[in-house]
Amino acid sequence: MQRDFLQSLGLKDKNNGTWTGIQSMASEEYISSYSPVDGSLIGAVSVTTESQYEEVMQKAQEAFKVWRKMPAPKRGEIVRQYGEALRTHKDALGKLVSFEMGKSLQEGWGEVQEMIDICDFAVGLSRQLYGLTMHSERPDHRMYEQWHPMGIVGIISAFNFPVAVWSWNAMIALVCGDVCIWKGSEKTPMCSVACQLIFQDVLKENNIPEGVSSIITGDYKVGEWMTKDGRIPLISATGSTRMGKIVGAEVAKRLGNSLLELGGNNAIIVTDSAELKLVLTGAVFGAVGTCGQRCTSTRRLIVHDSVYDTVKNNLVKAYGQLRIGDPLDQNNHVGPLIDKDAVANYQNSIKEVNAQGGSFIVEGGVLEGDQYASGCYVKPCIAEVTNDMAIVQHETFAPILYLIKYSGDLSNAIAIQNDVPQGLSSAIMTTKMKDAELFLSTAGSDCGIANVNIGTSGAEIGGAFGGEKETGGGRESGSDSWKAYMRRQTNTINYSDDLPLAQGIKFDF
């Protein structure tokens, strides 16, 4: 395979693809990154040592002293320049995302476009970090609220969106005046390095301290240094619910702040009035896009009994037309899972579905042959189940779609949808206004995202992204999510010649 995109991103050099890290630091231990596309070695990245972590922290602390004093629109200008650099590198970085993670090339390019979009959003936000003015109960006093940067923001991201989720956090935090330390997934380290190289060029051109943006590399042990570090007031972590519970507990021990984006078990409700063409498009892309490895992937399809057989037959036909293979080939719909551990989880889940009484209408399995030599390609599958099965309550990061029948009115379907521990994304397919409004009401979906006549997968950067229950409750990206990266301060100014005390208290001086 041609890998010109690696050279254009600075990831192939005289060291034969071995990257020694930011700030020219190297250790004796390396993480090798193998592509799930063909099993080939992309490169190796040095694992951050504890002493190197301390060096990164010190540089971040010093950089914060400089960065926080820059006017927010000036910080926005740096982010704008990064967005322009991403436009220049969009093709190459998108190919790297596809090659290292395994998602389709269109999705790889789309992920970089999300980075560009959040840069644009953050630039505008840099002039809109609004406070609030209030009337004081005391004469000749003024009260207002303002927002200040928190300091160092630690970002822990997952393999499935190896670049976009970092940018959702980092670009907003940066215009707020924070500096960022990023621990990307050890499964996609080259993506982290590429993003950092591009950003460091922008910082250097503007004489900005390199510690404004740093990366550290390694497994969960490296992440623990951040979660336990009292010098980092906010940890934003994306990953499994199991990981989030550990991170949240560690950060809470030191009374720090955490922003958690965790698991999803997302459902589309298909009512008796649904436009079935929309159902097919939303369900198939939601279930098989990124090979089922999105936190917003459609896991459950809850279908009214009057249209159940039609939906079922349409899905079987559509799945029969899916093309599985090299994700850099735009003729293919589905690429590989991230690694063989993910394949094993997929296989175990299929066994559990069968053991718990489910039945497959589209069979799964691992694909074999020269074009699937990495061992990471699997068949998207569909199982008829009931919502109370233990495996259905669990999030499997793989293209397994659960088909669930409901009868009666919409409240029954909503009850099924909400009856899982997770609460990220949800959708309803209906042409009835009353059904749509009920779904969006306080008696409707309990998820952080609730859509009408579109699927569960994907989100625009203009809206706050996140979920409830075991999804963590965090919000990042658009809307007023910027407030998570700042500390609020209430100010009272007395411009009189007296000092009136609250509740009329007086001292006889």
Protein backbone atom coordinates (compact mmCIF):
# COMPACT_ATOMS: atom_id res chain seq x y z
CA MET A 1 0.00 0.00 0.00
CA GLN A 2 1.17 3.52 -0.78
CA ARG A 3 1.79 5.43 2.43
CA ASP A 4 2.63 8.88 1.14
CA PHE A 5 0.29 10.27 3.78
CA LEU A 6 2.73 9.16 6.48
CA GLN A 7 5.60 11.09 4.94
CA SER A 8 3.48 14.20 4.44
CA LEU A 9 2.59 14.15 8.15
CA GLY A 10 6.24 13.73 9.19
CA LEU A 11 5.69 10.19 10.46
CA LYS A 12 8.29 8.44 8.33
CA ASP A 13 11.91 9.45 8.81
CA LYS A 14 15.41 8.09 9.07
CA ASN A 15 14.35 6.18 12.19
CA ASN A 16 12.15 4.01 9.98
CA GLY A 17 8.90 5.12 11.52
CA THR A 18 10.01 5.15 15.15
CA TRP A 19 8.79 8.32 16.80
CA THR A 20 10.60 9.52 19.89
CA GLY A 21 7.93 11.83 21.16
CA ILE A 22 7.32 15.50 21.67
CA GLN A 23 10.02 17.69 23.23
CA SER A 24 12.56 15.24 21.72
CA MET A 25 12.01 12.84 24.57
CA ALA A 26 12.53 9.12 24.19
CA SER A 27 12.32 6.14 26.48
CA GLU A 28 13.45 2.56 26.16
CA GLU A 29 9.89 1.27 25.80
CA TYR A 30 7.82 1.69 22.64
CA ILE A 31 4.25 1.07 21.53
CA SER A 32 4.08 -0.43 18.06
CA SER A 33 1.07 0.56 16.01
CA TYR A 34 -0.24 -2.11 13.62
CA SER A 35 -2.94 -1.32 11.10
CA PRO A 36 -6.13 -3.39 11.39
CA VAL A 37 -6.49 -2.88 7.63
CA ASP A 38 -3.65 -5.20 6.62
CA GLY A 39 -1.82 -6.03 9.84
CA SER A 40 1.28 -4.06 8.85
CA LEU A 41 3.44 -2.05 11.21
CA ILE A 42 2.79 1.68 10.83
CA GLY A 43 5.38 2.87 13.33
CA ALA A 44 6.34 2.94 16.98
CA VAL A 45 5.92 5.63 19.62
CA SER A 46 7.95 5.89 22.81
CA VAL A 47 6.09 5.36 26.08
CA THR A 48 6.19 8.35 28.43
CA THR A 49 8.18 7.75 31.60
CA GLU A 50 7.27 9.26 34.95
CA SER A 51 10.17 11.71 34.79
CA GLN A 52 9.12 12.73 31.29
CA TYR A 53 5.55 13.21 32.50
CA GLU A 54 6.89 15.56 35.16
CA GLU A 55 8.76 17.51 32.49
CA VAL A 56 5.56 17.82 30.45
CA MET A 57 3.68 19.04 33.54
CA GLN A 58 6.28 21.68 34.33
CA LYS A 59 6.24 22.97 30.77
CA ALA A 60 2.45 23.08 30.83
CA GLN A 61 2.43 25.04 34.09
CA GLU A 62 4.87 27.60 32.69
CA ALA A 63 2.98 27.84 29.41
CA PHE A 64 -0.28 28.48 31.27
CA LYS A 65 1.18 31.61 32.86
CA VAL A 66 1.74 33.02 29.37
CA TRP A 67 -1.33 31.62 27.62
CA ARG A 68 -3.90 32.77 30.19
CA LYS A 69 -2.78 36.39 29.79
CA MET A 70 -3.35 36.43 26.05
CA PRO A 71 -6.71 37.99 25.16
CA ALA A 72 -9.21 35.30 24.28
CA PRO A 73 -9.58 36.50 20.64
CA LYS A 74 -5.79 36.22 20.27
CA ARG A 75 -5.99 32.65 21.55
CA GLY A 76 -8.76 32.14 19.03
CA GLU A 77 -6.41 33.28 16.29
CA ILE A 78 -3.98 30.47 17.16
CA VAL A 79 -6.84 27.98 16.98
CA ARG A 80 -7.90 29.49 13.64
CA GLN A 81 -4.43 28.89 12.27
CA TYR A 82 -4.56 25.30 13.47
CA GLY A 83 -7.84 24.88 11.61
CA GLU A 84 -6.16 26.17 8.45
CA ALA A 85 -3.27 23.75 8.93
CA LEU A 86 -5.78 20.92 9.28
CA ARG A 87 -7.35 21.94 5.99
CA THR A 88 -3.94 21.59 4.38
CA HIS A 89 -3.39 18.15 5.93
CA LYS A 90 -6.99 16.89 5.76
CA ASP A 91 -6.37 14.28 3.07
CA ALA A 92 -3.28 12.81 4.72
CA LEU A 93 -4.60 12.92 8.28
CA GLY A 94 -7.92 11.39 7.20
CA LYS A 95 -6.05 8.54 5.53
CA LEU A 96 -3.99 7.99 8.67
CA VAL A 97 -7.16 7.84 10.79
CA SER A 98 -8.63 5.29 8.38
CA PHE A 99 -5.45 3.22 8.19
CA GLU A 100 -4.63 3.18 11.90
CA MET A 101 -8.18 2.90 13.27
CA GLY A 102 -9.92 1.05 10.46
CA LYS A 103 -12.91 3.30 9.76
CA SER A 104 -13.87 4.08 6.16
CA LEU A 105 -11.90 6.75 4.34
CA GLN A 106 -14.98 8.95 4.12
CA GLU A 107 -15.34 8.70 7.88
CA GLY A 108 -11.62 9.42 8.33
CA TRP A 109 -11.90 12.58 6.27
CA GLY A 110 -15.13 13.39 8.09
CA GLU A 111 -13.38 13.14 11.44
CA VAL A 112 -10.75 15.66 10.36
CA GLN A 113 -13.53 17.90 9.07
CA GLU A 114 -15.04 17.79 12.56
CA MET A 115 -11.70 19.04 13.86
CA ILE A 116 -11.81 21.90 11.38
CA ASP A 117 -15.42 22.68 12.32
CA ILE A 118 -14.67 22.80 16.04
CA CYS A 119 -11.75 25.13 15.35
CA ASP A 120 -14.16 27.46 13.52
CA PHE A 121 -16.63 27.19 16.39
CA ALA A 122 -13.92 27.92 18.96
CA VAL A 123 -12.70 30.98 17.06
CA GLY A 124 -16.16 32.51 17.28
CA LEU A 125 -16.48 31.42 20.90
CA SER A 126 -13.27 33.27 21.78
CA ARG A 127 -15.30 36.52 21.49
CA GLN A 128 -18.33 35.17 23.34
CA LEU A 129 -17.13 33.97 26.75
CA TYR A 130 -19.90 35.98 28.33
CA GLY A 131 -20.38 36.69 32.01
CA LEU A 132 -23.48 37.96 33.76
CA THR A 133 -24.40 41.29 35.41
CA MET A 134 -26.79 41.32 38.38
CA HIS A 135 -28.42 43.98 40.54
CA SER A 136 -27.13 44.20 44.08
CA GLU A 137 -29.48 44.60 47.05
CA ARG A 138 -27.08 47.18 48.43
CA PRO A 139 -27.02 50.78 47.13
CA ASP A 140 -24.09 51.87 44.97
CA HIS A 141 -22.90 48.31 44.49
CA ARG A 142 -22.53 46.28 41.34
CA MET A 143 -22.43 42.49 41.01
CA TYR A 144 -21.32 40.39 38.12
CA GLU A 145 -20.02 36.95 37.24
CA GLN A 146 -17.00 36.26 35.13
CA TRP A 147 -15.18 33.18 33.95
CA HIS A 148 -11.48 32.35 34.28
CA PRO A 149 -9.42 29.48 32.81
CA MET A 150 -8.98 26.50 35.10
CA GLY A 151 -5.35 25.73 34.27
CA ILE A 152 -4.20 22.41 32.86
CA VAL A 153 -6.85 20.23 31.23
CA GLY A 154 -6.04 16.52 30.95
CA ILE A 155 -7.68 14.82 27.98
CA ILE A 156 -7.99 11.03 27.72
CA SER A 157 -9.43 9.91 24.40
CA ALA A 158 -10.43 6.57 22.86
CA PHE A 159 -9.36 4.79 19.68
CA ASN A 160 -12.69 5.05 17.85
CA PHE A 161 -12.36 8.80 17.30
CA PRO A 162 -8.59 9.15 17.56
CA VAL A 163 -8.44 12.84 16.62
CA ALA A 164 -11.89 14.48 16.69
CA VAL A 165 -12.77 14.00 20.36
CA TRP A 166 -9.42 15.46 21.44
CA SER A 167 -10.14 18.54 19.34
CA TRP A 168 -13.67 18.87 20.74
CA ASN A 169 -12.07 19.32 24.15
CA ALA A 170 -8.77 20.97 23.33
CA MET A 171 -9.93 23.71 20.97
CA ILE A 172 -12.61 24.85 23.40
CA ALA A 173 -10.25 24.63 26.40
CA LEU A 174 -7.56 26.57 24.56
CA VAL A 175 -9.72 29.57 23.71
CA CYS A 176 -10.88 29.52 27.34
CA GLY A 177 -7.24 30.05 28.35
CA ASP A 178 -6.40 26.54 29.51
CA VAL A 179 -3.45 24.46 28.34
CA CYS A 180 -3.89 20.80 27.44
CA ILE A 181 -2.13 17.49 28.02
CA TRP A 182 -3.48 14.69 25.85
CA LYS A 183 -3.26 10.95 26.43
CA GLY A 184 -4.55 9.42 23.24
CA SER A 185 -5.39 5.75 22.91
CA GLU A 186 -2.43 3.40 22.87
CA LYS A 187 -4.23 1.67 19.97
CA THR A 188 -3.92 4.76 17.72
CA PRO A 189 -0.76 6.57 18.86
CA MET A 190 0.35 7.76 15.43
CA CYS A 191 -2.81 9.84 15.08
CA SER A 192 -1.99 11.65 18.34
CA VAL A 193 1.57 12.33 17.21
CA ALA A 194 0.43 13.65 13.83
CA CYS A 195 -2.04 16.10 15.41
CA GLN A 196 0.59 17.28 17.85
CA LEU A 197 3.21 17.80 15.13
CA ILE A 198 0.82 19.98 13.15
CA PHE A 199 -0.12 22.00 16.23
CA GLN A 200 3.47 22.45 17.38
CA ASP A 201 4.30 24.01 14.00
CA VAL A 202 1.53 26.58 14.56
CA LEU A 203 2.74 27.33 18.09
CA LYS A 204 6.35 27.72 16.91
CA GLU A 205 5.38 30.10 14.11
CA ASN A 206 3.63 32.33 16.65
CA ASN A 207 6.31 32.13 19.37
CA ILE A 208 3.88 30.38 21.73
CA PRO A 209 5.35 28.05 24.38
CA GLU A 210 5.18 24.42 23.27
CA GLY A 211 3.69 23.44 26.64
CA VAL A 212 0.34 24.92 25.57
CA SER A 213 -0.36 21.55 23.94
CA SER A 214 1.39 18.29 24.89
CA ILE A 215 0.87 14.57 24.50
CA ILE A 216 1.80 11.66 26.68
CA THR A 217 1.79 8.07 25.47
CA GLY A 218 1.17 4.74 27.17
CA ASP A 219 -1.45 2.49 28.68
CA TYR A 220 -3.77 3.16 31.62
CA LYS A 221 -0.81 3.63 33.99
CA VAL A 222 0.17 6.82 32.18
CA GLY A 223 -3.42 8.02 32.41
CA GLU A 224 -3.39 7.38 36.16
CA TRP A 225 -0.66 9.98 36.60
CA MET A 226 -3.07 12.58 35.28
CA THR A 227 -6.15 11.41 37.15
CA LYS A 228 -4.27 11.47 40.47
CA ASP A 229 -2.44 14.75 39.82
CA GLY A 230 -3.84 17.65 41.84
CA ARG A 231 -2.20 20.10 39.44
CA ILE A 232 -4.78 19.15 36.81
CA PRO A 233 -8.15 20.62 37.83
CA LEU A 234 -10.12 18.97 35.02
CA ILE A 235 -9.88 15.52 33.47
CA SER A 236 -11.97 14.93 30.35
CA ALA A 237 -12.11 11.19 29.68
CA THR A 238 -13.77 9.30 26.84
CA GLY A 239 -14.06 5.53 26.93
CA SER A 240 -15.90 2.65 28.53
CA THR A 241 -18.16 2.97 31.55
CA ARG A 242 -15.76 0.74 33.48
CA MET A 243 -12.90 3.13 32.76
CA GLY A 244 -15.04 6.15 33.57
CA LYS A 245 -15.97 4.86 37.00
CA ILE A 246 -12.28 4.45 37.83
CA VAL A 247 -11.34 7.88 36.50
CA GLY A 248 -14.28 9.60 38.16
CA ALA A 249 -13.49 8.04 41.53
CA GLU A 250 -9.80 8.94 41.37
CA VAL A 251 -10.48 12.54 40.39
CA ALA A 252 -13.19 12.86 43.04
CA LYS A 253 -10.75 11.72 45.74
CA ARG A 254 -8.78 14.91 45.19
CA LEU A 255 -11.95 17.00 44.66
CA GLY A 256 -11.06 17.64 41.04
CA ASN A 257 -13.47 18.00 38.15
CA SER A 258 -14.17 15.30 35.60
CA LEU A 259 -15.98 15.39 32.28
CA LEU A 260 -16.94 11.82 31.36
CA GLU A 261 -18.14 10.58 27.97
CA LEU A 262 -18.72 6.85 28.39
CA GLY A 263 -20.68 3.93 26.95
CA GLY A 264 -23.84 3.97 24.89
CA ASN A 265 -26.56 1.40 24.20
CA ASN A 266 -28.45 3.42 21.67
CA ALA A 267 -31.87 2.60 20.26
CA ILE A 268 -34.05 3.69 17.37
CA ILE A 269 -37.78 3.36 17.98
CA VAL A 270 -39.69 2.54 14.77
CA THR A 271 -43.38 3.43 15.12
CA ASP A 272 -46.25 2.19 13.01
CA SER A 273 -46.21 5.46 11.03
CA ALA A 274 -42.47 5.53 10.30
CA GLU A 275 -41.12 6.31 6.82
CA LEU A 276 -39.41 2.98 6.23
CA LYS A 277 -36.81 4.37 3.81
CA LEU A 278 -35.53 6.61 6.58
CA VAL A 279 -35.54 3.67 8.98
CA LEU A 280 -33.35 1.60 6.68
CA THR A 281 -30.79 4.34 6.09
CA GLY A 282 -30.58 5.40 9.73
CA ALA A 283 -30.45 1.89 11.15
CA VAL A 284 -27.90 0.45 8.72
CA PHE A 285 -25.44 3.32 8.93
CA GLY A 286 -25.92 3.58 12.67
CA ALA A 287 -25.26 -0.12 13.18
CA VAL A 288 -22.40 -0.78 10.74
CA GLY A 289 -20.69 2.63 10.44
CA THR A 290 -17.18 2.51 11.92
CA CYS A 291 -17.86 -1.25 12.16
CA GLY A 292 -20.12 -0.60 15.15
CA GLN A 293 -17.37 1.11 17.13
CA ARG A 294 -19.02 4.47 17.76
CA CYS A 295 -20.32 5.36 21.20
CA THR A 296 -23.43 6.49 19.28
CA SER A 297 -23.72 3.32 17.19
CA THR A 298 -27.22 1.90 16.92
CA ARG A 299 -27.31 -1.20 19.13
CA ARG A 300 -31.07 -1.76 19.39
CA LEU A 301 -33.94 -1.36 16.92
CA ILE A 302 -37.28 -1.29 18.75
CA VAL A 303 -39.98 -1.91 16.12
CA HIS A 304 -43.77 -1.80 16.31
CA ASP A 305 -45.30 -5.20 15.61
CA SER A 306 -47.36 -3.85 12.69
CA VAL A 307 -44.23 -3.04 10.64
CA TYR A 308 -41.83 -5.50 12.27
CA ASP A 309 -41.72 -8.08 9.48
CA THR A 310 -41.30 -5.45 6.78
CA VAL A 311 -38.43 -3.77 8.63
CA LYS A 312 -36.84 -7.14 9.33
CA ASN A 313 -36.96 -8.19 5.66
CA ASN A 314 -35.62 -4.83 4.48
CA LEU A 315 -32.69 -5.09 6.86
CA VAL A 316 -31.80 -8.61 5.74
CA LYS A 317 -31.72 -7.45 2.11
CA ALA A 318 -29.64 -4.37 2.94
CA TYR A 319 -27.09 -6.34 4.96
CA GLY A 320 -26.73 -8.72 2.04
CA GLN A 321 -25.47 -5.79 -0.06
CA LEU A 322 -22.81 -4.55 2.38
CA ARG A 323 -19.26 -4.55 1.06
CA ILE A 324 -16.64 -5.34 3.70
CA GLY A 325 -12.95 -4.70 3.09
CA ASP A 326 -10.10 -2.23 2.95
CA PRO A 327 -11.58 1.02 4.36
CA LEU A 328 -9.32 3.14 2.15
CA ASP A 329 -11.22 1.71 -0.82
CA GLN A 330 -14.25 3.98 -1.09
CA ASN A 331 -16.30 1.18 -2.67
CA ASN A 332 -16.42 -0.60 0.68
CA HIS A 333 -18.99 0.17 3.37
CA VAL A 334 -17.41 -1.55 6.38
CA GLY A 335 -13.80 -1.81 7.50
CA PRO A 336 -12.20 -3.89 10.26
CA LEU A 337 -12.53 -3.88 14.02
CA ILE A 338 -9.63 -2.18 15.79
CA ASP A 339 -7.78 -5.36 16.81
CA LYS A 340 -8.11 -9.06 17.58
CA ASP A 341 -9.23 -8.37 21.15
CA ALA A 342 -12.24 -6.57 19.68
CA VAL A 343 -12.86 -9.56 17.41
CA ALA A 344 -12.83 -11.87 20.43
CA ASN A 345 -15.38 -9.65 22.22
CA TYR A 346 -17.56 -9.73 19.12
CA GLN A 347 -17.41 -13.53 18.99
CA ASN A 348 -18.14 -13.86 22.71
CA SER A 349 -21.18 -11.60 22.38
CA ILE A 350 -22.55 -13.73 19.55
CA LYS A 351 -22.15 -16.82 21.75
CA GLU A 352 -23.96 -15.06 24.60
CA VAL A 353 -26.86 -14.05 22.35
CA ASN A 354 -27.34 -17.68 21.35
CA ALA A 355 -26.92 -18.92 24.92
CA GLN A 356 -29.49 -16.45 26.24
CA GLY A 357 -32.16 -17.39 23.72
CA GLY A 358 -31.64 -14.91 20.88
CA SER A 359 -31.64 -15.95 17.24
CA PHE A 360 -29.71 -14.46 14.35
CA ILE A 361 -31.51 -13.43 11.17
CA VAL A 362 -28.20 -12.25 9.70
CA GLU A 363 -25.35 -14.47 10.84
CA GLY A 364 -22.02 -13.08 12.02
CA GLY A 365 -18.52 -14.45 11.78
CA VAL A 366 -14.89 -13.60 11.14
CA LEU A 367 -13.90 -13.19 7.50
CA GLU A 368 -10.97 -15.13 6.07
CA GLY A 369 -8.82 -14.79 2.97
CA ASP A 370 -5.89 -12.75 1.75
CA GLN A 371 -7.77 -9.44 1.79
CA TYR A 372 -8.76 -10.09 5.42
CA ALA A 373 -5.29 -11.20 6.52
CA SER A 374 -5.20 -8.88 9.54
CA GLY A 375 -7.84 -11.10 11.19
CA CYS A 376 -9.90 -8.04 12.18
CA TYR A 377 -12.71 -8.19 9.61
CA VAL A 378 -16.10 -9.43 10.79
CA LYS A 379 -19.61 -9.71 9.40
CA PRO A 380 -22.22 -7.23 10.65
CA CYS A 381 -25.06 -9.29 12.08
CA ILE A 382 -28.63 -8.94 13.36
CA ALA A 383 -30.24 -10.86 16.21
CA GLU A 384 -33.85 -11.05 17.36
CA VAL A 385 -33.81 -10.62 21.13
CA THR A 386 -35.68 -9.30 24.15
CA ASN A 387 -34.45 -6.23 25.95
CA ASP A 388 -34.05 -7.99 29.31
CA MET A 389 -31.29 -10.30 28.10
CA ALA A 390 -28.04 -9.60 29.93
CA ILE A 391 -26.05 -9.27 26.71
CA VAL A 392 -28.50 -6.68 25.35
CA GLN A 393 -28.01 -4.58 28.48
CA HIS A 394 -24.28 -4.59 27.76
CA GLU A 395 -22.50 -2.44 25.16
CA THR A 396 -20.53 -4.54 22.67
CA PHE A 397 -18.24 -2.39 20.52
CA ALA A 398 -18.96 -4.30 17.31
CA PRO A 399 -21.54 -4.40 14.47
CA ILE A 400 -24.20 -6.45 16.27
CA LEU A 401 -27.73 -5.06 15.93
CA TYR A 402 -30.49 -6.25 18.27
CA LEU A 403 -34.01 -6.35 16.83
CA ILE A 404 -36.76 -5.97 19.46
CA LYS A 405 -40.52 -6.06 18.87
CA TYR A 406 -43.00 -3.91 20.77
CA SER A 407 -46.78 -3.64 20.69
CA GLY A 408 -49.32 -1.15 21.93
CA ASP A 409 -48.65 2.57 22.26
CA LEU A 410 -45.39 4.49 22.16
CA SER A 411 -44.96 4.55 25.94
CA ASN A 412 -44.17 0.83 25.79
CA ALA A 413 -41.34 1.42 23.31
CA ILE A 414 -39.97 4.32 25.35
CA ALA A 415 -39.94 2.12 28.46
CA ILE A 416 -37.91 -0.50 26.56
CA GLN A 417 -35.51 2.10 25.23
CA ASN A 418 -34.87 3.63 28.66
CA ASP A 419 -34.51 0.25 30.37
CA VAL A 420 -30.72 0.01 30.00
CA PRO A 421 -27.95 1.43 32.20
CA GLN A 422 -26.61 3.73 29.48
CA GLY A 423 -28.16 6.98 28.26
CA LEU A 424 -26.26 8.50 25.37
CA SER A 425 -28.15 8.67 22.07
CA SER A 426 -31.68 7.79 20.98
CA ALA A 427 -33.98 8.29 18.02
CA ILE A 428 -37.56 7.81 16.91
CA MET A 429 -38.88 7.25 13.40
CA THR A 430 -42.41 8.61 13.09
CA THR A 431 -44.60 10.88 10.98
CA LYS A 432 -46.92 11.66 13.90
CA MET A 433 -46.25 14.94 15.68
CA LYS A 434 -47.71 13.63 18.94
CA ASP A 435 -45.30 10.69 18.97
CA ALA A 436 -42.34 12.95 18.30
CA GLU A 437 -43.32 15.37 21.04
CA LEU A 438 -43.90 12.58 23.57
CA PHE A 439 -40.49 11.12 22.74
CA LEU A 440 -38.85 14.53 23.40
CA SER A 441 -40.89 15.28 26.52
CA THR A 442 -40.00 14.65 30.16
CA ALA A 443 -41.86 11.32 29.84
CA GLY A 444 -39.79 10.39 26.79
CA SER A 445 -36.17 9.51 26.10
CA ASP A 446 -33.82 9.68 29.08
CA CYS A 447 -30.75 10.12 26.87
CA GLY A 448 -28.54 13.15 26.40
CA ILE A 449 -29.28 13.04 22.66
CA ALA A 450 -32.78 12.45 21.28
CA ASN A 451 -33.43 12.65 17.53
CA VAL A 452 -36.51 12.53 15.35
CA ASN A 453 -36.34 10.89 11.91
CA ILE A 454 -32.58 10.60 11.90
CA GLY A 455 -30.41 7.88 13.43
CA THR A 456 -28.47 7.74 16.68
CA SER A 457 -25.05 7.93 15.09
CA GLY A 458 -23.13 11.15 14.67
CA ALA A 459 -23.58 14.62 16.11
CA GLU A 460 -23.07 18.19 14.93
CA ILE A 461 -20.41 20.15 16.78
CA GLY A 462 -22.79 23.06 17.42
CA GLY A 463 -24.73 21.11 20.04
CA ALA A 464 -23.55 19.87 23.41
CA PHE A 465 -22.53 16.21 23.15
CA GLY A 466 -22.96 13.73 25.99
CA GLY A 467 -25.30 11.45 27.86
CA GLU A 468 -26.85 10.49 31.16
CA LYS A 469 -26.76 7.55 33.59
CA GLU A 470 -23.72 5.33 33.00
CA THR A 471 -22.74 7.47 30.02
CA GLY A 472 -21.28 9.86 32.57
CA GLY A 473 -23.29 13.05 32.38
CA GLY A 474 -20.58 15.15 30.73
CA ARG A 475 -21.07 17.62 27.88
CA GLU A 476 -18.45 18.66 25.38
CA SER A 477 -18.16 20.37 21.99
CA GLY A 478 -20.85 23.00 21.27
CA SER A 479 -23.56 25.04 22.99
CA ASP A 480 -22.35 26.25 26.43
CA SER A 481 -20.03 23.28 27.03
CA TRP A 482 -17.18 25.79 27.31
CA LYS A 483 -18.23 26.42 30.91
CA ALA A 484 -16.85 23.00 31.89
CA TYR A 485 -13.34 24.26 31.08
CA MET A 486 -13.55 27.45 33.16
CA ARG A 487 -14.09 28.47 36.76
CA ARG A 488 -16.89 30.85 37.66
CA GLN A 489 -16.21 33.87 39.86
CA THR A 490 -18.78 36.21 41.41
CA ASN A 491 -17.63 39.82 41.94
CA THR A 492 -19.15 42.60 44.02
CA ILE A 493 -17.93 46.19 43.62
CA ASN A 494 -18.72 48.92 46.11
CA TYR A 495 -18.44 52.40 44.65
CA SER A 496 -19.98 54.25 47.62
CA ASP A 497 -18.37 55.90 50.65
CA ASP A 498 -19.98 53.41 53.04
CA LEU A 499 -19.72 49.68 53.64
CA PRO A 500 -23.24 48.40 54.27
CA LEU A 501 -23.32 44.87 55.66
CA ALA A 502 -25.73 42.15 54.69
CA GLN A 503 -28.99 41.75 56.61
CA GLY A 504 -28.54 45.22 58.14
CA ILE A 505 -25.78 44.21 60.56
CA LYS A 506 -24.00 47.20 62.13
CA PHE A 507 -20.86 47.77 64.14
CA ASP A 508 -20.48 50.80 66.40
CA PHE A 509 -17.04 52.02 65.42
